[in-house]
C-alpha cells in the first residue's frame, strides 16, 4: 500500500444559481485538453479506476447540474470544489502551510481533503504537494 496515487478532482460546476429567467444554458466551454470532462457518474468511476489516471496528477470537470448524484456522493456544496483522490477514493494530502479555513477542509490528521471555491493559493499549494508525490 506504499504506492501513492493521487488524483485531484476538480468538481467544477458553473451556473448553480437556481432557475433564473434568463440563465445561460449553453454548454460549459472546454478550457484544456488535459482536463477530463465527466458527463455521468459511470465516466467518473471509470476515470478513478483507470490506469491512465491512477498515479498521476489529473483534473476532472464535473458539472453537477448535469451529474447531480456526484455532488451528493462527494458532498459538493460550493462551486468550484476540488476533491483530492487516492487509489480511486477521496483521500487528503499533506500540504505545508495550509490550515483549515472556510475554503479548505482538512481531515482529522490535517490532510487537505477538498478546496471549496476559487482559493488560488490553497489550490496551487495542494497541486504542488501532489506533483511532488509523483
Protein backbone atom coordinates (compact mmCIF):
# COMPACT_ATOMS: atom_id res chain seq x y z
CA UNK A 1 0.00 0.00 0.00
CA UNK A 2 3.08 2.21 -0.20
CA UNK A 3 2.15 3.20 -3.74
CA UNK A 4 0.78 6.71 -3.65
CA UNK A 5 -1.79 7.57 -6.31
CA UNK A 6 -3.28 10.98 -6.22
CA UNK A 7 -5.89 12.46 -8.38
CA UNK A 8 -7.03 15.93 -7.81
CA UNK A 9 -10.53 16.03 -8.94
CA UNK A 10 -11.88 19.22 -9.82
CA UNK A 11 -15.57 19.07 -9.34
CA UNK A 12 -16.20 22.23 -11.17
CA UNK A 13 -19.75 23.25 -11.83
CA UNK A 14 -20.78 26.57 -13.24
CA UNK A 15 -24.10 28.29 -13.22
CA UNK A 16 -25.53 26.84 -9.97
CA UNK A 17 -27.79 29.69 -9.11
CA UNK A 18 -31.18 28.04 -9.34
CA UNK A 19 -33.70 28.51 -12.05
CA UNK A 20 -33.21 32.01 -13.35
CA UNK A 21 -35.35 33.52 -16.03
CA UNK A 22 -32.51 34.34 -18.41
CA UNK A 23 -29.79 31.98 -17.22
CA UNK A 24 -27.21 30.81 -19.70
CA UNK A 25 -27.89 27.17 -20.57
CA UNK A 26 -25.12 26.88 -23.13
CA UNK A 27 -22.57 24.10 -22.61
CA UNK A 28 -19.59 24.86 -20.40
CA UNK A 29 -16.62 25.56 -22.68
CA UNK A 30 -13.59 23.34 -22.52
CA UNK A 31 -10.58 25.09 -21.05
CA UNK A 32 -7.90 22.49 -21.72
CA UNK A 33 -7.41 19.16 -23.42
CA UNK A 34 -5.77 17.98 -20.19
CA UNK A 35 -8.98 18.21 -18.17
CA UNK A 36 -11.29 15.18 -18.23
CA UNK A 37 -14.87 16.29 -18.85
CA UNK A 38 -17.23 14.00 -16.96
CA UNK A 39 -20.81 13.74 -18.20
CA UNK A 40 -22.09 10.91 -15.98
CA UNK A 41 -21.18 9.03 -12.82
CA UNK A 42 -20.02 5.94 -14.75
CA UNK A 43 -17.39 8.06 -16.55
CA UNK A 44 -16.11 9.37 -13.22
CA UNK A 45 -15.93 5.85 -11.74
CA UNK A 46 -14.11 4.65 -14.85
CA UNK A 47 -11.61 7.51 -14.64
CA UNK A 48 -10.97 6.91 -10.93
CA UNK A 49 -10.15 3.25 -11.58
CA UNK A 50 -8.30 3.84 -14.84
CA UNK A 51 -4.58 3.12 -15.12
CA UNK A 52 -4.37 6.29 -17.26
CA UNK A 53 -5.23 8.46 -14.25
CA UNK A 54 -4.04 6.42 -11.28
CA UNK A 55 -0.69 7.56 -10.00
CA UNK A 56 -0.87 10.78 -11.97
CA UNK A 57 -1.99 14.28 -11.22
CA UNK A 58 -5.20 14.81 -13.17
CA UNK A 59 -8.17 17.12 -13.19
CA UNK A 60 -11.75 16.20 -13.98
CA UNK A 61 -14.53 18.68 -14.52
CA UNK A 62 -18.00 17.62 -13.40
CA UNK A 63 -20.97 19.87 -14.00
CA UNK A 64 -23.20 18.92 -11.07
CA UNK A 65 -26.19 20.47 -12.86
CA UNK A 66 -25.93 17.54 -15.27
CA UNK A 67 -24.35 14.91 -12.99
CA UNK A 68 -26.13 15.75 -9.74
CA UNK A 69 -25.62 12.42 -7.97
CA UNK A 70 -21.86 13.05 -7.91
CA UNK A 71 -22.38 16.24 -5.89
CA UNK A 72 -24.27 14.32 -3.21
CA UNK A 73 -21.86 11.39 -3.21
CA UNK A 74 -18.82 13.62 -2.62
CA UNK A 75 -20.54 16.32 -0.51
CA UNK A 76 -20.05 19.11 -3.03
CA UNK A 77 -21.82 22.19 -1.73
CA UNK A 78 -19.95 25.02 -3.46
CA UNK A 79 -18.67 25.58 -6.95
CA UNK A 80 -15.96 25.08 -7.78
CA UNK A 81 -14.96 22.29 -5.41
CA UNK A 82 -11.68 20.39 -5.78
CA UNK A 83 -11.60 16.95 -4.15
CA UNK A 84 -8.35 15.01 -3.66
CA UNK A 85 -8.47 11.30 -4.54
CA UNK A 86 -6.00 8.46 -3.96
CA UNK A 87 -6.48 4.98 -5.41
CA UNK A 88 -9.91 5.99 -6.64
CA UNK A 89 -11.26 7.15 -3.27
CA UNK A 90 -11.30 10.58 -1.64
CA UNK A 91 -8.16 10.93 0.48
CA UNK A 92 -6.27 14.01 1.60
CA UNK A 93 -2.72 15.16 1.01
CA UNK A 94 -0.26 16.84 3.37
CA UNK A 95 0.24 20.47 2.34
CA UNK A 96 2.70 22.60 4.27
CA UNK A 97 1.43 25.96 5.41
CA UNK A 98 -2.26 25.23 4.79
CA UNK A 99 -4.69 25.30 7.68
CA UNK A 100 -8.41 24.68 7.85
CA UNK A 101 -10.48 27.60 6.65
CA UNK A 102 -13.80 28.34 5.06
CA UNK A 103 -12.44 27.13 1.73
CA UNK A 104 -10.07 24.37 2.88
CA UNK A 105 -11.36 21.18 4.50
CA UNK A 106 -8.84 19.14 6.44
CA UNK A 107 -9.13 15.56 7.66
CA UNK A 108 -8.70 14.72 11.34
CA UNK A 109 -5.00 14.11 10.69
CA UNK A 110 -4.51 17.51 9.00
CA UNK A 111 -4.58 16.45 5.34
CA UNK A 112 -6.21 18.67 2.71
CA UNK A 113 -9.28 16.76 1.51
CA UNK A 114 -11.08 19.42 -0.51
CA UNK A 115 -10.94 23.04 -1.53
CA UNK A 116 -14.24 24.87 -1.88
CA UNK A 117 -14.41 27.98 -4.01
CA UNK A 118 -11.69 29.59 -6.07
CA UNK A 119 -8.95 29.73 -3.42
CA UNK A 120 -6.00 30.08 -5.78
CA UNK A 121 -3.29 29.94 -3.09
CA UNK A 122 -4.69 26.78 -1.49
CA UNK A 123 -5.19 25.11 -4.85
CA UNK A 124 -1.66 25.97 -6.02
CA UNK A 125 -0.12 24.67 -2.79
CA UNK A 126 -2.17 21.46 -2.98
CA UNK A 127 -1.27 20.83 -6.63
CA UNK A 128 2.42 21.42 -5.83
CA UNK A 129 2.21 18.93 -2.94
CA UNK A 130 0.54 16.37 -5.22
CA UNK A 131 3.06 16.92 -8.01
CA UNK A 132 5.91 16.36 -5.55
CA UNK A 133 4.44 12.92 -4.76
CA UNK A 134 4.63 11.73 -8.39
